[in-house]
N, C-alpha and C. Protein backbone atom coordinates (compact mmCIF):
# COMPACT_ATOMS: atom_id res chain seq x y z
N UNK A 1 -9.22 16.15 8.75
CA UNK A 1 -8.34 17.29 7.89
C UNK A 1 -9.62 17.37 6.74
N UNK A 2 -9.74 18.52 6.49
CA UNK A 2 -10.92 19.35 5.67
C UNK A 2 -9.94 19.42 4.44
N UNK A 3 -10.87 19.85 3.46
CA UNK A 3 -10.15 19.63 1.89
C UNK A 3 -10.51 21.38 2.16
N UNK A 4 -11.27 21.54 2.87
CA UNK A 4 -11.19 23.60 1.92
C UNK A 4 -10.45 24.26 3.75
N UNK A 5 -10.38 25.20 3.56
CA UNK A 5 -9.50 25.96 4.51
C UNK A 5 -10.27 27.41 4.68
N UNK A 6 -10.61 27.88 5.69
CA UNK A 6 -11.05 29.85 5.17
C UNK A 6 -9.76 30.24 6.54
N UNK A 7 -9.77 31.48 5.43
CA UNK A 7 -8.44 32.60 6.03
C UNK A 7 -8.87 33.88 5.60
N UNK A 8 -8.56 34.92 6.93
CA UNK A 8 -9.07 35.90 6.70
C UNK A 8 -8.29 37.04 6.48
N UNK A 9 -7.88 38.04 5.82
CA UNK A 9 -7.17 38.40 6.22
C UNK A 9 -6.92 40.00 5.27
N UNK A 10 -6.90 40.78 6.60
CA UNK A 10 -6.87 42.53 5.95
C UNK A 10 -6.04 42.90 5.04
N UNK A 11 -6.10 43.99 4.62
CA UNK A 11 -5.57 44.70 2.79
C UNK A 11 -4.68 45.62 3.78
N UNK A 12 -3.81 45.74 3.45
CA UNK A 12 -3.50 47.35 4.60
C UNK A 12 -1.77 47.68 3.32
N UNK A 13 -2.13 49.03 3.89
CA UNK A 13 -1.15 50.02 2.41
C UNK A 13 -0.28 49.67 1.73
N UNK A 14 0.16 48.44 2.13
CA UNK A 14 1.19 47.84 0.79
C UNK A 14 0.79 46.56 0.90
N UNK A 15 -0.39 46.97 -0.01
CA UNK A 15 -1.20 45.61 -0.31
C UNK A 15 -1.14 46.13 -1.44
N UNK A 16 -1.32 47.48 -1.63
CA UNK A 16 -2.36 47.78 -2.81
C UNK A 16 -1.57 48.95 -3.62
N UNK A 17 -2.09 49.37 -4.43
CA UNK A 17 -1.22 50.25 -5.55
C UNK A 17 -1.44 52.04 -5.31
N UNK A 18 -1.34 52.51 -6.23
CA UNK A 18 -1.78 54.23 -5.68
C UNK A 18 -3.07 54.93 -5.14
N UNK A 19 -3.90 53.85 -6.54
CA UNK A 19 -4.94 53.68 -5.94
C UNK A 19 -5.44 53.73 -5.23
N UNK A 20 -4.77 52.91 -3.84
CA UNK A 20 -5.55 52.17 -2.69
C UNK A 20 -6.86 50.92 -3.36
N UNK A 21 -6.49 50.19 -4.21
CA UNK A 21 -6.24 48.90 -5.10
C UNK A 21 -5.21 48.31 -4.54
N UNK A 22 -5.88 46.84 -4.12
CA UNK A 22 -4.96 45.67 -4.56
C UNK A 22 -4.27 45.97 -5.54
N UNK A 23 -2.82 45.30 -5.44
CA UNK A 23 -1.74 45.62 -6.72
C UNK A 23 -2.35 44.03 -7.06
N UNK A 24 -2.70 43.46 -8.43
CA UNK A 24 -2.87 42.09 -8.69
C UNK A 24 -2.17 41.04 -8.49
N UNK A 25 -0.92 41.89 -8.38
CA UNK A 25 0.58 40.76 -7.76
C UNK A 25 0.30 40.48 -6.52
N UNK A 26 -0.27 40.70 -6.01
CA UNK A 26 -0.30 40.07 -4.40
C UNK A 26 -1.53 39.22 -4.66
N UNK A 27 -2.09 39.20 -4.97
CA UNK A 27 -3.04 37.69 -5.09
C UNK A 27 -2.54 36.55 -5.07
N UNK A 28 -1.04 36.59 -6.00
CA UNK A 28 -0.51 35.43 -6.50
C UNK A 28 0.11 35.80 -4.94
N UNK A 29 1.39 36.04 -4.03
CA UNK A 29 1.58 36.36 -2.48
C UNK A 29 0.54 35.73 -1.36
N UNK A 30 -1.16 35.93 -1.88
CA UNK A 30 -2.22 35.58 -0.72
C UNK A 30 -2.08 34.16 -0.96
N UNK A 31 -2.42 33.94 -2.43
CA UNK A 31 -2.45 32.06 -2.85
C UNK A 31 -1.30 31.87 -1.28
N UNK A 32 -0.13 31.81 -2.18
CA UNK A 32 1.04 31.18 -1.52
C UNK A 32 0.50 31.09 0.26
N UNK A 33 0.31 32.92 0.65
CA UNK A 33 0.37 32.71 1.84
C UNK A 33 -0.77 32.56 3.26
N UNK A 34 -1.69 31.83 1.71
CA UNK A 34 -3.15 30.54 2.45
C UNK A 34 -2.57 28.94 2.23
N UNK A 35 -2.01 29.01 1.13
CA UNK A 35 -1.60 27.18 1.06
C UNK A 35 -0.63 26.63 2.66
N UNK A 36 0.14 28.02 2.71
CA UNK A 36 0.72 27.94 4.04
C UNK A 36 0.30 27.70 4.91
N UNK A 37 -1.12 28.45 5.33
CA UNK A 37 -1.03 29.33 6.98
C UNK A 37 -2.81 27.64 6.42
N UNK A 38 -3.41 26.61 5.27
CA UNK A 38 -3.21 25.35 5.22
C UNK A 38 -2.01 24.37 5.79
N UNK A 39 -1.09 24.69 5.27
CA UNK A 39 -0.23 23.25 5.33
C UNK A 39 0.05 23.79 7.82
N UNK A 40 0.28 24.92 8.24
CA UNK A 40 0.06 24.66 9.40
C UNK A 40 -1.35 24.85 10.64
N UNK A 41 -2.19 24.55 9.90
CA UNK A 41 -3.45 23.93 10.36
C UNK A 41 -3.23 22.73 11.17
N UNK A 42 -2.38 22.41 9.99
CA UNK A 42 -1.86 21.26 9.49
C UNK A 42 -1.23 20.22 10.58
N UNK A 43 -0.40 21.05 11.05
CA UNK A 43 0.46 21.09 11.87
C UNK A 43 1.31 20.65 10.98
N UNK A 44 1.87 21.26 10.10
CA UNK A 44 3.20 20.96 8.71
C UNK A 44 3.74 22.06 8.82
N UNK A 45 5.55 22.20 9.00
CA UNK A 45 5.56 23.00 8.68
C UNK A 45 6.83 22.47 6.96
N UNK A 46 6.67 23.18 5.97
CA UNK A 46 6.87 23.65 5.06
C UNK A 46 8.31 23.00 5.17
N UNK A 47 8.88 24.18 5.58
CA UNK A 47 10.28 24.20 5.58
C UNK A 47 11.13 23.70 6.18
N UNK A 48 10.73 22.56 7.59
CA UNK A 48 10.85 21.23 7.72
C UNK A 48 10.87 20.01 6.94
N UNK A 49 9.87 20.30 6.30
CA UNK A 49 9.38 19.05 5.22
C UNK A 49 10.23 18.74 4.50
N UNK A 50 10.89 19.92 3.86
CA UNK A 50 11.67 19.99 3.07
C UNK A 50 12.75 19.97 3.56
N UNK A 51 13.58 20.44 4.34
CA UNK A 51 14.84 19.62 4.78
C UNK A 51 14.94 18.35 5.21
N UNK A 52 14.28 17.58 6.06
CA UNK A 52 13.98 16.25 6.04
C UNK A 52 14.02 15.43 5.47
N UNK A 53 12.84 15.58 4.23
CA UNK A 53 12.68 14.45 3.17
C UNK A 53 13.34 14.80 1.93
N UNK A 54 14.13 15.66 1.82
CA UNK A 54 14.44 16.58 0.67
C UNK A 54 13.59 16.88 -0.42
N UNK A 55 12.38 17.24 -0.41
CA UNK A 55 11.12 17.23 -0.85
C UNK A 55 10.66 18.83 -0.80
N UNK A 56 10.72 19.68 -2.14
CA UNK A 56 10.33 21.25 -2.54
C UNK A 56 9.38 21.25 -2.76
N UNK A 57 8.93 22.52 -2.97
CA UNK A 57 7.49 22.02 -3.61
C UNK A 57 7.61 23.56 -4.96
N UNK A 58 7.76 23.67 -5.74
CA UNK A 58 7.95 24.69 -6.40
C UNK A 58 6.66 25.10 -7.55
N UNK A 59 6.33 26.35 -7.34
CA UNK A 59 4.82 26.40 -7.78
C UNK A 59 5.58 26.41 -9.68
N UNK A 60 4.36 25.48 -10.54
CA UNK A 60 4.54 25.33 -11.67
C UNK A 60 3.35 26.12 -12.80
N UNK A 61 2.06 26.14 -11.35
CA UNK A 61 1.52 26.48 -12.46
C UNK A 61 0.82 28.05 -11.54
N UNK A 62 0.25 29.40 -12.21
CA UNK A 62 -0.55 30.10 -11.09
C UNK A 62 -1.23 30.66 -12.15
N UNK A 63 -2.31 30.78 -11.65
CA UNK A 63 -3.27 31.67 -12.58
C UNK A 63 -4.76 32.68 -11.37
N UNK A 64 -4.57 34.28 -11.75
CA UNK A 64 -6.41 34.42 -11.12
C UNK A 64 -6.50 35.60 -11.95
N UNK A 65 -7.84 34.95 -11.98
CA UNK A 65 -8.96 35.80 -12.23
C UNK A 65 -9.27 37.28 -11.47
N UNK A 66 -9.58 38.23 -11.75
CA UNK A 66 -9.67 39.45 -11.25
C UNK A 66 -11.32 39.62 -11.47
N UNK A 67 -12.41 40.06 -10.48
CA UNK A 67 -13.35 40.19 -10.88
C UNK A 67 -14.40 41.64 -10.18
N UNK A 68 -13.86 41.77 -9.07
CA UNK A 68 -14.02 43.04 -8.19
C UNK A 68 -13.21 43.53 -7.73
N UNK A 69 -12.51 45.65 -7.30
CA UNK A 69 -11.47 45.68 -6.68
C UNK A 69 -11.59 45.44 -4.93
N UNK A 70 -10.66 45.84 -4.30
CA UNK A 70 -10.56 45.76 -2.98
C UNK A 70 -9.61 46.42 -2.81
N UNK A 71 -9.74 47.58 -1.20
CA UNK A 71 -9.25 47.99 -1.46
C UNK A 71 -8.57 48.30 0.02
N UNK A 72 -7.43 48.77 0.53
CA UNK A 72 -7.06 49.33 2.13
C UNK A 72 -8.04 49.14 2.74
N UNK A 73 -7.64 48.66 3.79
CA UNK A 73 -8.25 48.26 5.24
C UNK A 73 -10.19 47.84 5.24
N UNK A 74 -9.64 46.48 3.57
CA UNK A 74 -10.87 45.42 3.84
C UNK A 74 -10.45 44.52 3.96
N UNK A 75 -11.21 43.47 4.28
CA UNK A 75 -10.92 42.65 4.44
C UNK A 75 -11.30 41.37 4.19
N UNK A 76 -10.22 40.38 3.20
CA UNK A 76 -10.76 38.91 2.20
C UNK A 76 -11.25 37.99 3.16
N UNK A 77 -12.11 37.45 3.12
CA UNK A 77 -11.85 35.91 3.32
C UNK A 77 -11.80 35.01 2.30
N UNK A 78 -10.35 34.49 2.81
CA UNK A 78 -10.18 33.69 1.69
C UNK A 78 -9.96 31.76 1.86
N UNK A 79 -11.01 31.67 0.60
CA UNK A 79 -11.19 29.65 1.05
C UNK A 79 -10.32 28.89 0.19
N UNK A 80 -9.70 28.30 0.22
CA UNK A 80 -8.37 27.61 -0.09
C UNK A 80 -9.53 25.74 -0.76
N UNK A 81 -9.38 25.05 -1.39
CA UNK A 81 -9.64 23.53 -1.72
C UNK A 81 -8.83 22.84 -2.47
N UNK A 82 -8.46 21.74 -2.13
CA UNK A 82 -7.16 21.10 -2.38
C UNK A 82 -8.50 20.22 -3.40
N UNK A 83 -7.87 20.27 -4.81
CA UNK A 83 -8.78 20.13 -5.70
C UNK A 83 -8.49 18.53 -6.62
N UNK A 84 -7.00 18.01 -6.41
CA UNK A 84 -7.16 17.46 -7.06
C UNK A 84 -5.16 17.08 -6.23
N UNK A 85 -4.90 15.78 -5.91
CA UNK A 85 -3.54 15.61 -6.07
C UNK A 85 -3.06 14.15 -6.71
N UNK A 86 -1.83 14.58 -6.99
CA UNK A 86 -1.07 13.78 -8.35
C UNK A 86 -0.29 12.79 -7.17
N UNK A 87 0.64 11.70 -7.84
CA UNK A 87 1.63 11.70 -7.21
C UNK A 87 2.84 12.40 -6.61
N UNK A 88 3.18 13.14 -7.52
CA UNK A 88 3.83 14.11 -7.09
C UNK A 88 3.13 15.92 -6.32
N UNK A 89 2.32 16.08 -7.13
CA UNK A 89 1.85 17.83 -7.21
C UNK A 89 0.64 17.80 -6.28
N UNK A 90 -0.40 18.63 -6.36
CA UNK A 90 -0.51 19.12 -5.78
C UNK A 90 -1.71 20.57 -6.31
N UNK A 91 -3.17 20.36 -6.23
CA UNK A 91 -3.28 21.51 -6.75
C UNK A 91 -4.47 21.97 -6.18
N UNK A 92 -4.66 22.97 -6.23
CA UNK A 92 -5.58 24.71 -5.00
C UNK A 92 -6.04 24.96 -5.86
N UNK A 93 -7.54 25.52 -5.24
CA UNK A 93 -8.31 26.38 -6.25
C UNK A 93 -8.93 27.03 -5.01
N UNK A 94 -8.49 28.92 -5.87
CA UNK A 94 -8.43 29.98 -4.05
C UNK A 94 -9.36 30.75 -5.02
N UNK A 95 -10.50 30.81 -3.81
CA UNK A 95 -11.47 32.20 -3.63
C UNK A 95 -11.66 32.80 -3.12
N UNK A 96 -11.28 34.02 -3.33
CA UNK A 96 -11.22 35.16 -2.28
C UNK A 96 -12.69 36.19 -2.36
N UNK A 97 -12.98 36.41 -1.65
CA UNK A 97 -14.18 37.16 -1.31
C UNK A 97 -13.87 37.93 -0.29
N UNK A 98 -15.09 38.89 -0.69
CA UNK A 98 -15.20 40.32 -0.42
C UNK A 98 -16.40 40.69 0.04
N UNK A 99 -17.55 40.61 1.55
CA UNK A 99 -19.02 41.06 1.65
C UNK A 99 -19.44 40.44 0.84
N UNK A 100 -19.13 39.09 0.72
CA UNK A 100 -20.15 37.83 0.48
C UNK A 100 -19.99 37.73 -0.75
N UNK A 101 -18.79 38.61 -1.60
CA UNK A 101 -19.00 38.53 -3.58
C UNK A 101 -17.43 37.46 -3.55
N UNK A 102 -17.28 37.05 -4.94
CA UNK A 102 -15.93 36.78 -5.21
C UNK A 102 -15.37 37.28 -5.65
N UNK A 103 -14.47 38.58 -5.35
CA UNK A 103 -13.34 39.34 -5.60
C UNK A 103 -12.23 38.56 -6.52
N UNK A 104 -12.35 38.36 -6.80
CA UNK A 104 -11.11 36.73 -7.23
C UNK A 104 -11.21 35.64 -7.45
N UNK A 105 -10.65 35.12 -7.89
CA UNK A 105 -10.13 32.69 -8.03
C UNK A 105 -8.76 32.93 -8.50
N UNK A 106 -8.33 31.65 -7.72
CA UNK A 106 -6.72 31.36 -8.33
C UNK A 106 -7.35 30.05 -8.09
N UNK A 107 -5.65 29.54 -9.27
CA UNK A 107 -5.90 27.92 -9.02
C UNK A 107 -4.52 28.31 -9.39
N UNK A 108 -3.34 27.16 -8.55
CA UNK A 108 -2.64 27.00 -8.34
C UNK A 108 -2.15 25.24 -8.42
N UNK A 109 -0.42 25.38 -8.92
CA UNK A 109 -0.15 23.83 -8.35
C UNK A 109 1.10 24.38 -8.03
N UNK A 110 1.60 22.89 -7.47
CA UNK A 110 2.66 22.79 -6.96
C UNK A 110 2.85 20.86 -7.16
N UNK A 111 4.46 21.37 -8.10
CA UNK A 111 5.47 20.40 -7.52
C UNK A 111 6.27 19.41 -6.12
N UNK A 112 6.03 18.74 -6.57
CA UNK A 112 7.11 17.84 -5.32
C UNK A 112 8.74 17.45 -6.26
N UNK A 113 9.50 18.19 -5.53
CA UNK A 113 10.95 17.99 -6.05
C UNK A 113 11.79 17.46 -5.23
N UNK A 114 13.09 16.16 -5.41
CA UNK A 114 14.29 16.20 -4.39
C UNK A 114 15.15 17.29 -5.68
N UNK A 115 16.51 17.47 -4.60
CA UNK A 115 17.35 17.74 -5.44
C UNK A 115 18.42 17.14 -5.28
N UNK A 116 19.80 16.94 -5.72
CA UNK A 116 20.82 15.85 -5.72
C UNK A 116 21.73 16.85 -6.01
N UNK A 117 23.15 16.08 -4.57
CA UNK A 117 23.99 17.47 -5.14
C UNK A 117 24.78 18.32 -5.89
N UNK A 118 24.52 17.86 -6.75
CA UNK A 118 24.85 19.11 -8.16
C UNK A 118 23.17 20.50 -7.93
N UNK A 119 22.79 19.77 -7.03
CA UNK A 119 21.28 20.95 -7.61
C UNK A 119 20.26 21.02 -8.07
N UNK A 120 21.22 19.45 -9.32
CA UNK A 120 20.06 19.18 -9.52
C UNK A 120 19.01 18.71 -9.60
N UNK A 121 17.57 19.81 -9.75
CA UNK A 121 15.96 18.85 -9.73
C UNK A 121 15.53 18.28 -10.45
N UNK A 122 13.97 16.78 -9.40
CA UNK A 122 13.80 16.06 -10.16
C UNK A 122 12.14 15.89 -9.82
N UNK A 123 11.24 15.69 -10.20
CA UNK A 123 10.56 15.17 -9.69
C UNK A 123 10.50 13.86 -8.65
N UNK A 124 9.67 14.18 -7.57
CA UNK A 124 9.29 12.95 -6.63
C UNK A 124 8.27 12.94 -6.03
N UNK A 125 7.58 11.71 -5.35
CA UNK A 125 6.64 11.85 -4.54
C UNK A 125 6.36 12.47 -3.49
N UNK A 126 5.20 12.99 -3.29
CA UNK A 126 4.83 14.14 -1.98
C UNK A 126 5.03 13.45 -1.00
N UNK A 127 6.04 13.48 0.28
CA UNK A 127 6.02 13.09 1.20
C UNK A 127 5.63 12.51 2.28
N UNK A 128 5.75 11.04 2.85
CA UNK A 128 4.84 10.76 3.61
C UNK A 128 3.98 11.35 4.26
N UNK A 129 4.51 12.25 5.45
CA UNK A 129 3.50 13.29 6.35
C UNK A 129 2.98 13.99 5.45
N UNK A 130 2.99 14.45 4.58
CA UNK A 130 2.01 15.62 3.49
C UNK A 130 0.79 14.43 2.72
N UNK A 131 1.39 13.57 2.63
CA UNK A 131 0.67 12.73 1.71
C UNK A 131 -0.29 12.31 2.16
N UNK A 132 -0.55 11.62 3.93
CA UNK A 132 -1.16 10.83 4.83
C UNK A 132 -2.19 12.24 5.86
N UNK A 133 -1.09 13.26 5.89
CA UNK A 133 -2.49 14.57 5.46
C UNK A 133 -3.72 14.76 4.93
N UNK A 134 -3.59 14.49 3.76
CA UNK A 134 -3.68 14.60 2.31
C UNK A 134 -4.71 13.84 2.44
N UNK A 135 -4.58 12.62 2.16
CA UNK A 135 -5.17 11.18 1.89
C UNK A 135 -6.86 11.20 2.94
N UNK A 136 -7.18 12.18 3.98
CA UNK A 136 -8.04 12.13 4.90
C UNK A 136 -9.31 12.63 3.83
N UNK A 137 -8.67 13.70 3.11
CA UNK A 137 -9.76 14.61 2.74
C UNK A 137 -9.96 14.15 1.17
N UNK A 138 -11.84 14.21 1.28
CA UNK A 138 -12.69 13.62 0.10
C UNK A 138 -12.06 15.05 -1.72
N UNK A 139 -11.28 14.72 -2.46
CA UNK A 139 -11.18 15.41 -3.46
C UNK A 139 -12.33 15.84 -3.86
N UNK A 140 -12.73 16.86 -4.67
CA UNK A 140 -13.40 16.95 -5.36
C UNK A 140 -13.33 18.34 -6.22
N UNK A 141 -13.78 18.57 -7.77
CA UNK A 141 -13.23 19.87 -8.50
C UNK A 141 -14.34 21.18 -7.69
N UNK A 142 -14.43 21.78 -7.77
CA UNK A 142 -14.66 23.34 -6.65
C UNK A 142 -15.60 23.60 -8.41
N UNK A 143 -16.67 23.97 -7.94
CA UNK A 143 -17.54 24.20 -8.85
C UNK A 143 -17.87 26.12 -8.67
N UNK A 144 -17.56 26.79 -10.01
CA UNK A 144 -17.42 27.72 -10.22
C UNK A 144 -18.23 28.87 -10.36
């Protein structure tokens, strides 16, 4: 398993604002999208994990720095790195590149929680199937 994952995404009209530039909120959607594609590439299904292990993965922190504009029809090279894994959390760095230049850089922190019968959530360890998939990866901080 690679700790770095690459994903290409075309920018569609619905991703842009009235000027034809990616609307800033969509970078946050793209971060979740690349995380799910990364997990699919490992043969993991987030919803199946949630249902089978009662482990849900809400985002507890998300940040994105915007550096250059990207417009309708452009393609992004999206690079995801797993930079840290705790007992019940996973931390990602995500670089968005266009024409060989970084246009945005995001960070995403995901917590693992379980829900009791009343719906109350509490921290829980990363489920074994996900933990094992991520054990193989060397975890190192991404240099900006």
